[in-house]
Amino acid sequence: MRTIRQILLTEYIGAILVAVLIADACSSLITTVVAQVSLRVQLRQNPTLDLHRLSTTYSVLDSFSRIALYLITAYLIARWLYPAKSESSSGTESGGQL
């Protein structure tokens, strides 16, 4: 795991992966919003429109679950690659200086 982490850090592949996951989540959100607006406009213009699609609730839940998984994965990878610095080490350094 250390070699994989080192490769992801030195080649900036990890940062690119996190950015791609976040961009894909944003793309899914925009696609879902546009699809729902388009459906509402179509139904307003033609209320007798026979839809042979999946239910809108199912498609929205599917999209939001995908967005959540993308964002959670991006967050976990970012935390694994770039851990936060501990507060205790910075406190002892500044406390020692007068």
N, C-alpha and C. Protein backbone atom coordinates (compact mmCIF):
# COMPACT_ATOMS: atom_id res chain seq x y z
N MET A 1 0.82 -1.19 0.00
CA MET A 1 0.00 0.00 0.00
C MET A 1 0.86 1.25 0.00
N ARG A 2 2.02 1.18 0.64
CA ARG A 2 2.89 2.35 0.66
C ARG A 2 3.41 2.69 -0.72
N THR A 3 3.71 1.67 -1.51
CA THR A 3 4.21 1.97 -2.86
C THR A 3 3.11 2.57 -3.73
N ILE A 4 1.89 2.09 -3.57
CA ILE A 4 0.77 2.66 -4.33
C ILE A 4 0.56 4.11 -3.91
N ARG A 5 0.60 4.37 -2.61
CA ARG A 5 0.43 5.73 -2.12
C ARG A 5 1.55 6.63 -2.62
N GLN A 6 2.75 6.14 -2.61
CA GLN A 6 3.90 6.93 -3.07
C GLN A 6 3.77 7.25 -4.56
N ILE A 7 3.35 6.29 -5.35
CA ILE A 7 3.16 6.53 -6.79
C ILE A 7 2.07 7.56 -7.02
N LEU A 8 0.96 7.43 -6.29
CA LEU A 8 -0.14 8.38 -6.45
C LEU A 8 0.28 9.79 -6.04
N LEU A 9 1.14 9.91 -5.05
CA LEU A 9 1.58 11.23 -4.61
C LEU A 9 2.61 11.84 -5.55
N THR A 10 3.60 11.06 -5.97
CA THR A 10 4.69 11.62 -6.77
C THR A 10 4.28 11.92 -8.20
N GLU A 11 3.39 11.18 -8.75
CA GLU A 11 2.97 11.39 -10.14
C GLU A 11 1.72 12.26 -10.25
N TYR A 12 1.22 12.77 -9.15
CA TYR A 12 0.00 13.59 -9.10
C TYR A 12 -1.23 12.86 -9.61
N ILE A 13 -1.16 11.55 -9.69
CA ILE A 13 -2.31 10.77 -10.13
C ILE A 13 -3.41 10.82 -9.08
N GLY A 14 -3.03 10.87 -7.83
CA GLY A 14 -4.01 10.93 -6.75
C GLY A 14 -4.82 12.22 -6.81
N ALA A 15 -4.16 13.34 -7.04
CA ALA A 15 -4.88 14.62 -7.15
C ALA A 15 -5.79 14.63 -8.36
N ILE A 16 -5.31 14.06 -9.45
CA ILE A 16 -6.14 13.98 -10.66
C ILE A 16 -7.34 13.08 -10.42
N LEU A 17 -7.14 11.97 -9.72
CA LEU A 17 -8.24 11.05 -9.42
C LEU A 17 -9.30 11.72 -8.55
N VAL A 18 -8.88 12.45 -7.54
CA VAL A 18 -9.82 13.16 -6.69
C VAL A 18 -10.59 14.21 -7.50
N ALA A 19 -9.89 14.93 -8.35
CA ALA A 19 -10.55 15.95 -9.19
C ALA A 19 -11.54 15.33 -10.16
N VAL A 20 -11.20 14.19 -10.74
CA VAL A 20 -12.11 13.51 -11.67
C VAL A 20 -13.36 13.02 -10.94
N LEU A 21 -13.20 12.48 -9.74
CA LEU A 21 -14.36 12.03 -8.97
C LEU A 21 -15.29 13.19 -8.61
N ILE A 22 -14.71 14.32 -8.22
CA ILE A 22 -15.53 15.48 -7.89
C ILE A 22 -16.21 16.03 -9.14
N ALA A 23 -15.49 16.07 -10.25
CA ALA A 23 -16.08 16.55 -11.51
C ALA A 23 -17.21 15.62 -11.97
N ASP A 24 -17.03 14.33 -11.79
CA ASP A 24 -18.08 13.38 -12.17
C ASP A 24 -19.31 13.54 -11.28
N ALA A 25 -19.12 13.83 -10.01
CA ALA A 25 -20.25 14.07 -9.12
C ALA A 25 -21.00 15.34 -9.54
N CYS A 26 -20.26 16.39 -9.89
CA CYS A 26 -20.90 17.63 -10.36
C CYS A 26 -21.63 17.39 -11.67
N SER A 27 -21.05 16.62 -12.55
CA SER A 27 -21.69 16.30 -13.82
C SER A 27 -22.97 15.51 -13.61
N SER A 28 -22.95 14.57 -12.70
CA SER A 28 -24.16 13.79 -12.40
C SER A 28 -25.25 14.67 -11.81
N LEU A 29 -24.87 15.61 -10.95
CA LEU A 29 -25.85 16.51 -10.37
C LEU A 29 -26.49 17.40 -11.43
N ILE A 30 -25.68 17.96 -12.30
CA ILE A 30 -26.19 18.82 -13.37
C ILE A 30 -27.08 18.02 -14.32
N THR A 31 -26.68 16.82 -14.67
CA THR A 31 -27.48 15.98 -15.56
C THR A 31 -28.83 15.65 -14.93
N THR A 32 -28.84 15.35 -13.64
CA THR A 32 -30.09 15.04 -12.95
C THR A 32 -31.02 16.24 -12.93
N VAL A 33 -30.48 17.40 -12.61
CA VAL A 33 -31.30 18.61 -12.56
C VAL A 33 -31.87 18.93 -13.93
N VAL A 34 -31.05 18.86 -14.97
CA VAL A 34 -31.52 19.15 -16.33
C VAL A 34 -32.58 18.14 -16.76
N ALA A 35 -32.40 16.87 -16.45
CA ALA A 35 -33.38 15.85 -16.82
C ALA A 35 -34.71 16.09 -16.12
N GLN A 36 -34.67 16.46 -14.85
CA GLN A 36 -35.91 16.71 -14.13
C GLN A 36 -36.63 17.95 -14.64
N VAL A 37 -35.88 19.01 -14.94
CA VAL A 37 -36.49 20.21 -15.50
C VAL A 37 -37.10 19.91 -16.87
N SER A 38 -36.37 19.17 -17.68
CA SER A 38 -36.88 18.80 -19.01
C SER A 38 -38.15 17.97 -18.90
N LEU A 39 -38.19 17.04 -17.98
CA LEU A 39 -39.38 16.22 -17.79
C LEU A 39 -40.57 17.07 -17.35
N ARG A 40 -40.33 17.99 -16.43
CA ARG A 40 -41.42 18.86 -15.96
C ARG A 40 -41.95 19.73 -17.10
N VAL A 41 -41.06 20.26 -17.94
CA VAL A 41 -41.48 21.09 -19.07
C VAL A 41 -42.29 20.26 -20.06
N GLN A 42 -41.84 19.05 -20.35
CA GLN A 42 -42.57 18.18 -21.27
C GLN A 42 -43.95 17.83 -20.73
N LEU A 43 -44.04 17.55 -19.44
CA LEU A 43 -45.33 17.22 -18.85
C LEU A 43 -46.27 18.43 -18.79
N ARG A 44 -45.70 19.61 -18.63
CA ARG A 44 -46.53 20.81 -18.60
C ARG A 44 -47.10 21.10 -20.00
N GLN A 45 -46.30 20.85 -21.04
CA GLN A 45 -46.77 21.10 -22.40
C GLN A 45 -47.73 20.02 -22.89
N ASN A 46 -47.51 18.79 -22.48
CA ASN A 46 -48.34 17.68 -22.93
C ASN A 46 -48.66 16.80 -21.72
N PRO A 47 -49.73 17.11 -20.99
CA PRO A 47 -50.02 16.35 -19.76
C PRO A 47 -50.40 14.90 -20.01
N THR A 48 -50.81 14.56 -21.22
CA THR A 48 -51.19 13.17 -21.51
C THR A 48 -50.02 12.36 -22.04
N LEU A 49 -48.84 12.90 -21.93
CA LEU A 49 -47.65 12.21 -22.42
C LEU A 49 -47.48 10.88 -21.71
N ASP A 50 -47.32 9.83 -22.49
CA ASP A 50 -47.14 8.49 -21.93
C ASP A 50 -45.65 8.24 -21.77
N LEU A 51 -45.21 8.18 -20.55
CA LEU A 51 -43.79 7.98 -20.28
C LEU A 51 -43.50 6.50 -20.09
N HIS A 52 -42.57 6.02 -20.85
CA HIS A 52 -42.13 4.62 -20.71
C HIS A 52 -40.73 4.61 -20.11
N ARG A 53 -40.56 5.37 -19.07
CA ARG A 53 -39.28 5.44 -18.38
C ARG A 53 -39.43 4.83 -16.99
N LEU A 54 -38.31 4.80 -16.31
CA LEU A 54 -38.36 4.44 -14.90
C LEU A 54 -38.97 5.60 -14.13
N SER A 55 -39.39 5.36 -12.94
CA SER A 55 -39.98 6.43 -12.15
C SER A 55 -38.95 7.52 -11.88
N THR A 56 -39.42 8.74 -11.76
CA THR A 56 -38.50 9.85 -11.51
C THR A 56 -37.85 9.74 -10.14
N THR A 57 -38.58 9.21 -9.18
CA THR A 57 -38.01 9.03 -7.85
C THR A 57 -36.83 8.07 -7.89
N TYR A 58 -37.00 6.98 -8.64
CA TYR A 58 -35.91 6.00 -8.76
C TYR A 58 -34.69 6.63 -9.43
N SER A 59 -34.89 7.39 -10.50
CA SER A 59 -33.76 7.97 -11.20
C SER A 59 -33.06 9.03 -10.36
N VAL A 60 -33.83 9.80 -9.58
CA VAL A 60 -33.22 10.81 -8.73
C VAL A 60 -32.44 10.15 -7.60
N LEU A 61 -33.01 9.14 -6.98
CA LEU A 61 -32.29 8.43 -5.91
C LEU A 61 -31.05 7.73 -6.43
N ASP A 62 -31.12 7.19 -7.63
CA ASP A 62 -29.97 6.56 -8.26
C ASP A 62 -28.86 7.58 -8.47
N SER A 63 -29.22 8.74 -8.98
CA SER A 63 -28.23 9.78 -9.23
C SER A 63 -27.62 10.29 -7.93
N PHE A 64 -28.45 10.54 -6.93
CA PHE A 64 -27.92 11.05 -5.67
C PHE A 64 -27.06 10.03 -4.94
N SER A 65 -27.39 8.76 -5.05
CA SER A 65 -26.53 7.75 -4.44
C SER A 65 -25.20 7.67 -5.17
N ARG A 66 -25.20 7.82 -6.48
CA ARG A 66 -23.96 7.84 -7.25
C ARG A 66 -23.11 9.06 -6.88
N ILE A 67 -23.76 10.21 -6.74
CA ILE A 67 -23.04 11.42 -6.36
C ILE A 67 -22.43 11.26 -4.97
N ALA A 68 -23.19 10.70 -4.05
CA ALA A 68 -22.68 10.48 -2.69
C ALA A 68 -21.48 9.53 -2.69
N LEU A 69 -21.57 8.47 -3.46
CA LEU A 69 -20.44 7.52 -3.53
C LEU A 69 -19.20 8.17 -4.14
N TYR A 70 -19.37 8.99 -5.18
CA TYR A 70 -18.23 9.70 -5.78
C TYR A 70 -17.58 10.63 -4.78
N LEU A 71 -18.39 11.40 -4.06
CA LEU A 71 -17.84 12.36 -3.12
C LEU A 71 -17.19 11.68 -1.92
N ILE A 72 -17.80 10.61 -1.43
CA ILE A 72 -17.21 9.87 -0.30
C ILE A 72 -15.88 9.24 -0.71
N THR A 73 -15.85 8.67 -1.90
CA THR A 73 -14.60 8.07 -2.39
C THR A 73 -13.52 9.12 -2.57
N ALA A 74 -13.87 10.27 -3.13
CA ALA A 74 -12.90 11.35 -3.32
C ALA A 74 -12.37 11.83 -1.97
N TYR A 75 -13.25 11.97 -0.98
CA TYR A 75 -12.84 12.40 0.34
C TYR A 75 -11.90 11.39 1.00
N LEU A 76 -12.25 10.11 0.92
CA LEU A 76 -11.41 9.08 1.54
C LEU A 76 -10.04 8.99 0.88
N ILE A 77 -9.99 9.09 -0.43
CA ILE A 77 -8.70 9.05 -1.13
C ILE A 77 -7.87 10.28 -0.76
N ALA A 78 -8.50 11.45 -0.71
CA ALA A 78 -7.78 12.66 -0.34
C ALA A 78 -7.25 12.59 1.09
N ARG A 79 -8.05 12.07 2.01
CA ARG A 79 -7.59 11.93 3.39
C ARG A 79 -6.46 10.91 3.51
N TRP A 80 -6.50 9.86 2.68
CA TRP A 80 -5.45 8.85 2.72
C TRP A 80 -4.16 9.40 2.13
N LEU A 81 -4.26 10.13 1.03
CA LEU A 81 -3.06 10.64 0.38
C LEU A 81 -2.47 11.86 1.09
N TYR A 82 -3.32 12.73 1.59
CA TYR A 82 -2.88 13.98 2.19
C TYR A 82 -3.43 14.08 3.62
N PRO A 83 -2.82 13.36 4.57
CA PRO A 83 -3.33 13.41 5.94
C PRO A 83 -3.11 14.79 6.55
N ALA A 84 -4.01 15.18 7.44
CA ALA A 84 -3.91 16.48 8.12
C ALA A 84 -2.76 16.44 9.11
N LYS A 85 -2.10 17.57 9.25
CA LYS A 85 -1.01 17.64 10.23
C LYS A 85 -1.60 17.67 11.64
N SER A 86 -0.89 17.05 12.57
CA SER A 86 -1.40 17.01 13.94
C SER A 86 -1.20 18.36 14.61
N GLU A 87 -2.16 18.73 15.45
CA GLU A 87 -2.13 20.02 16.14
C GLU A 87 -1.07 20.04 17.25
N SER A 88 -0.79 18.88 17.84
CA SER A 88 0.15 18.84 18.97
C SER A 88 1.57 19.15 18.54
N SER A 89 1.97 18.77 17.33
CA SER A 89 3.33 19.04 16.89
C SER A 89 3.54 20.52 16.63
N SER A 90 2.54 21.23 16.10
CA SER A 90 2.69 22.66 15.86
C SER A 90 2.61 23.44 17.18
N GLY A 91 1.86 22.94 18.16
CA GLY A 91 1.74 23.61 19.46
C GLY A 91 3.02 23.54 20.25
N THR A 92 3.77 22.45 20.18
CA THR A 92 5.00 22.33 20.92
C THR A 92 6.11 23.17 20.28
N GLU A 93 6.07 23.32 18.99
CA GLU A 93 7.09 24.14 18.32
C GLU A 93 6.92 25.61 18.67
N SER A 94 5.69 26.10 18.64
CA SER A 94 5.46 27.50 18.94
C SER A 94 5.59 27.78 20.44
N GLY A 95 5.29 26.79 21.28
CA GLY A 95 5.38 26.95 22.73
C GLY A 95 6.82 27.04 23.20
N GLY A 96 7.73 26.45 22.49
CA GLY A 96 9.13 26.47 22.88
C GLY A 96 9.83 27.78 22.56
N GLN A 97 9.28 28.56 21.65
CA GLN A 97 9.89 29.81 21.27
C GLN A 97 9.28 30.95 22.07
N LEU A 98 10.12 31.88 22.52
CA LEU A 98 9.64 33.06 23.25
C LEU A 98 9.96 34.31 22.53
